């Protein structure tokens, strides 16, 4: 994937620390069966969070946002939880 600074994703909010906290809590809840969605949703969310960006790494910001967009299109029930960290 080529990074495009004019991409609409480059202006979206992404709070990496909040996303990590919420995302990993969701993964744990899914694996333990406390949230519906099961192991498939947990694995897909873990995959979406695999490349959490460091400050200033715009390429990984865009990659993470695209991965999260795909995740919430497959699992829309988690969009509101993740919205605390990401603008969808």
C-alpha atoms as a PDB file:
ATOM      1  CA  UNK A   1       0.000   0.000   0.000  1.00  0.00           C
ATOM      2  CA  UNK A   2       1.252   3.482  -0.830  1.00  0.00           C
ATOM      3  CA  UNK A   3       0.703   6.251   1.674  1.00  0.00           C
ATOM      4  CA  UNK A   4      -1.274   9.167   0.259  1.00  0.00           C
ATOM      5  CA  UNK A   5      -1.172  12.319   2.416  1.00  0.00           C
ATOM      6  CA  UNK A   6      -4.281  13.580   0.615  1.00  0.00           C
ATOM      7  CA  UNK A   7      -6.252  10.496   1.616  1.00  0.00           C
ATOM      8  CA  UNK A   8      -9.408  11.155   3.684  1.00  0.00           C
ATOM      9  CA  UNK A   9      -8.037   8.847   6.393  1.00  0.00           C
ATOM     10  CA  UNK A  10      -5.094  11.182   7.043  1.00  0.00           C
ATOM     11  CA  UNK A  11      -7.355  13.744   8.749  1.00  0.00           C
ATOM     12  CA  UNK A  12      -9.257  11.317  10.959  1.00  0.00           C
ATOM     13  CA  UNK A  13      -8.753  11.133  14.715  1.00  0.00           C
ATOM     14  CA  UNK A  14      -6.934   8.075  16.052  1.00  0.00           C
ATOM     15  CA  UNK A  15      -5.960   7.905  19.729  1.00  0.00           C
ATOM     16  CA  UNK A  16      -3.579   4.962  19.825  1.00  0.00           C
ATOM     17  CA  UNK A  17      -3.490   4.607  23.618  1.00  0.00           C
ATOM     18  CA  UNK A  18      -7.272   4.636  23.976  1.00  0.00           C
ATOM     19  CA  UNK A  19      -7.607   2.285  20.998  1.00  0.00           C
ATOM     20  CA  UNK A  20      -5.164  -0.178  22.560  1.00  0.00           C
ATOM     21  CA  UNK A  21      -7.003  -0.112  25.900  1.00  0.00           C
ATOM     22  CA  UNK A  22     -10.450  -0.545  24.353  1.00  0.00           C
ATOM     23  CA  UNK A  23      -9.335  -2.973  21.676  1.00  0.00           C
ATOM     24  CA  UNK A  24      -7.466  -5.322  23.973  1.00  0.00           C
ATOM     25  CA  UNK A  25     -10.315  -5.257  26.495  1.00  0.00           C
ATOM     26  CA  UNK A  26     -12.748  -6.173  23.706  1.00  0.00           C
ATOM     27  CA  UNK A  27     -10.488  -8.997  22.547  1.00  0.00           C
ATOM     28  CA  UNK A  28     -10.289 -10.407  26.069  1.00  0.00           C
ATOM     29  CA  UNK A  29     -14.083 -10.115  26.502  1.00  0.00           C
ATOM     30  CA  UNK A  30     -14.697 -11.854  23.177  1.00  0.00           C
ATOM     31  CA  UNK A  31     -12.334 -14.707  23.983  1.00  0.00           C
ATOM     32  CA  UNK A  32     -13.840 -15.172  27.448  1.00  0.00           C
ATOM     33  CA  UNK A  33     -17.374 -15.139  26.026  1.00  0.00           C
ATOM     34  CA  UNK A  34     -18.471 -12.004  27.881  1.00  0.00           C
ATOM     35  CA  UNK A  35     -19.276 -10.290  24.550  1.00  0.00           C
ATOM     36  CA  UNK A  36     -21.035 -11.862  21.582  1.00  0.00           C
ATOM     37  CA  UNK A  37     -18.919 -12.326  18.482  1.00  0.00           C
ATOM     38  CA  UNK A  38     -16.636 -15.088  19.599  1.00  0.00           C
ATOM     39  CA  UNK A  39     -13.162 -16.031  18.589  1.00  0.00           C
ATOM     40  CA  UNK A  40     -13.571 -14.945  14.955  1.00  0.00           C
ATOM     41  CA  UNK A  41     -14.284 -11.332  15.983  1.00  0.00           C
ATOM     42  CA  UNK A  42     -11.424 -11.433  18.511  1.00  0.00           C
ATOM     43  CA  UNK A  43      -8.968 -12.614  15.862  1.00  0.00           C
ATOM     44  CA  UNK A  44     -10.181 -10.045  13.330  1.00  0.00           C
ATOM     45  CA  UNK A  45      -9.833  -7.235  15.868  1.00  0.00           C
ATOM     46  CA  UNK A  46      -6.378  -8.453  16.883  1.00  0.00           C
ATOM     47  CA  UNK A  47      -5.413  -8.415  13.210  1.00  0.00           C
ATOM     48  CA  UNK A  48      -6.747  -4.857  12.816  1.00  0.00           C
ATOM     49  CA  UNK A  49      -4.699  -3.722  15.831  1.00  0.00           C
ATOM     50  CA  UNK A  50      -1.564  -5.571  14.769  1.00  0.00           C
ATOM     51  CA  UNK A  51       0.223  -2.452  13.492  1.00  0.00           C
ATOM     52  CA  UNK A  52      -0.697   0.175  16.077  1.00  0.00           C
ATOM     53  CA  UNK A  53       1.145   3.295  14.961  1.00  0.00           C
ATOM     54  CA  UNK A  54       3.792   5.151  16.880  1.00  0.00           C
ATOM     55  CA  UNK A  55       3.535   8.947  16.936  1.00  0.00           C
ATOM     56  CA  UNK A  56       4.432  10.406  13.566  1.00  0.00           C
ATOM     57  CA  UNK A  57       4.114   7.182  11.571  1.00  0.00           C
ATOM     58  CA  UNK A  58       1.391   8.291   9.170  1.00  0.00           C
ATOM     59  CA  UNK A  59       1.678   5.164   7.043  1.00  0.00           C
ATOM     60  CA  UNK A  60       0.714   2.954  10.002  1.00  0.00           C
ATOM     61  CA  UNK A  61      -2.036   5.405  10.987  1.00  0.00           C
ATOM     62  CA  UNK A  62      -3.603   4.969   7.559  1.00  0.00           C
ATOM     63  CA  UNK A  63      -3.100   1.193   7.628  1.00  0.00           C
ATOM     64  CA  UNK A  64      -4.699   0.922  11.081  1.00  0.00           C
ATOM     65  CA  UNK A  65      -7.659   3.102  10.091  1.00  0.00           C
ATOM     66  CA  UNK A  66      -8.300   1.017   6.982  1.00  0.00           C
ATOM     67  CA  UNK A  67      -8.093  -2.188   9.021  1.00  0.00           C
ATOM     68  CA  UNK A  68     -10.518  -0.809  11.603  1.00  0.00           C
ATOM     69  CA  UNK A  69     -12.926   0.322   8.875  1.00  0.00           C
ATOM     70  CA  UNK A  70     -12.964  -3.223   7.549  1.00  0.00           C
ATOM     71  CA  UNK A  71     -13.452  -4.640  11.044  1.00  0.00           C
ATOM     72  CA  UNK A  72     -16.466  -2.432  11.833  1.00  0.00           C
ATOM     73  CA  UNK A  73     -18.000  -3.157   8.436  1.00  0.00           C
ATOM     74  CA  UNK A  74     -17.905  -6.853   9.385  1.00  0.00           C
ATOM     75  CA  UNK A  75     -18.812  -6.297  13.056  1.00  0.00           C
ATOM     76  CA  UNK A  76     -20.846  -3.053  13.277  1.00  0.00           C
ATOM     77  CA  UNK A  77     -21.831  -3.806  16.874  1.00  0.00           C
ATOM     78  CA  UNK A  78     -18.320  -2.757  17.983  1.00  0.00           C
ATOM     79  CA  UNK A  79     -18.257   0.591  16.190  1.00  0.00           C
ATOM     80  CA  UNK A  80     -19.644   2.553  19.139  1.00  0.00           C
ATOM     81  CA  UNK A  81     -17.067   1.080  21.540  1.00  0.00           C
ATOM     82  CA  UNK A  82     -14.168   1.828  19.215  1.00  0.00           C
ATOM     83  CA  UNK A  83     -15.486   5.319  18.432  1.00  0.00           C
ATOM     84  CA  UNK A  84     -14.003   6.555  21.701  1.00  0.00           C
ATOM     85  CA  UNK A  85     -10.607   6.241  19.986  1.00  0.00           C
ATOM     86  CA  UNK A  86     -11.345   6.525  16.259  1.00  0.00           C
ATOM     87  CA  UNK A  87     -13.469   8.699  14.002  1.00  0.00           C
ATOM     88  CA  UNK A  88     -15.348   6.403  11.640  1.00  0.00           C
END
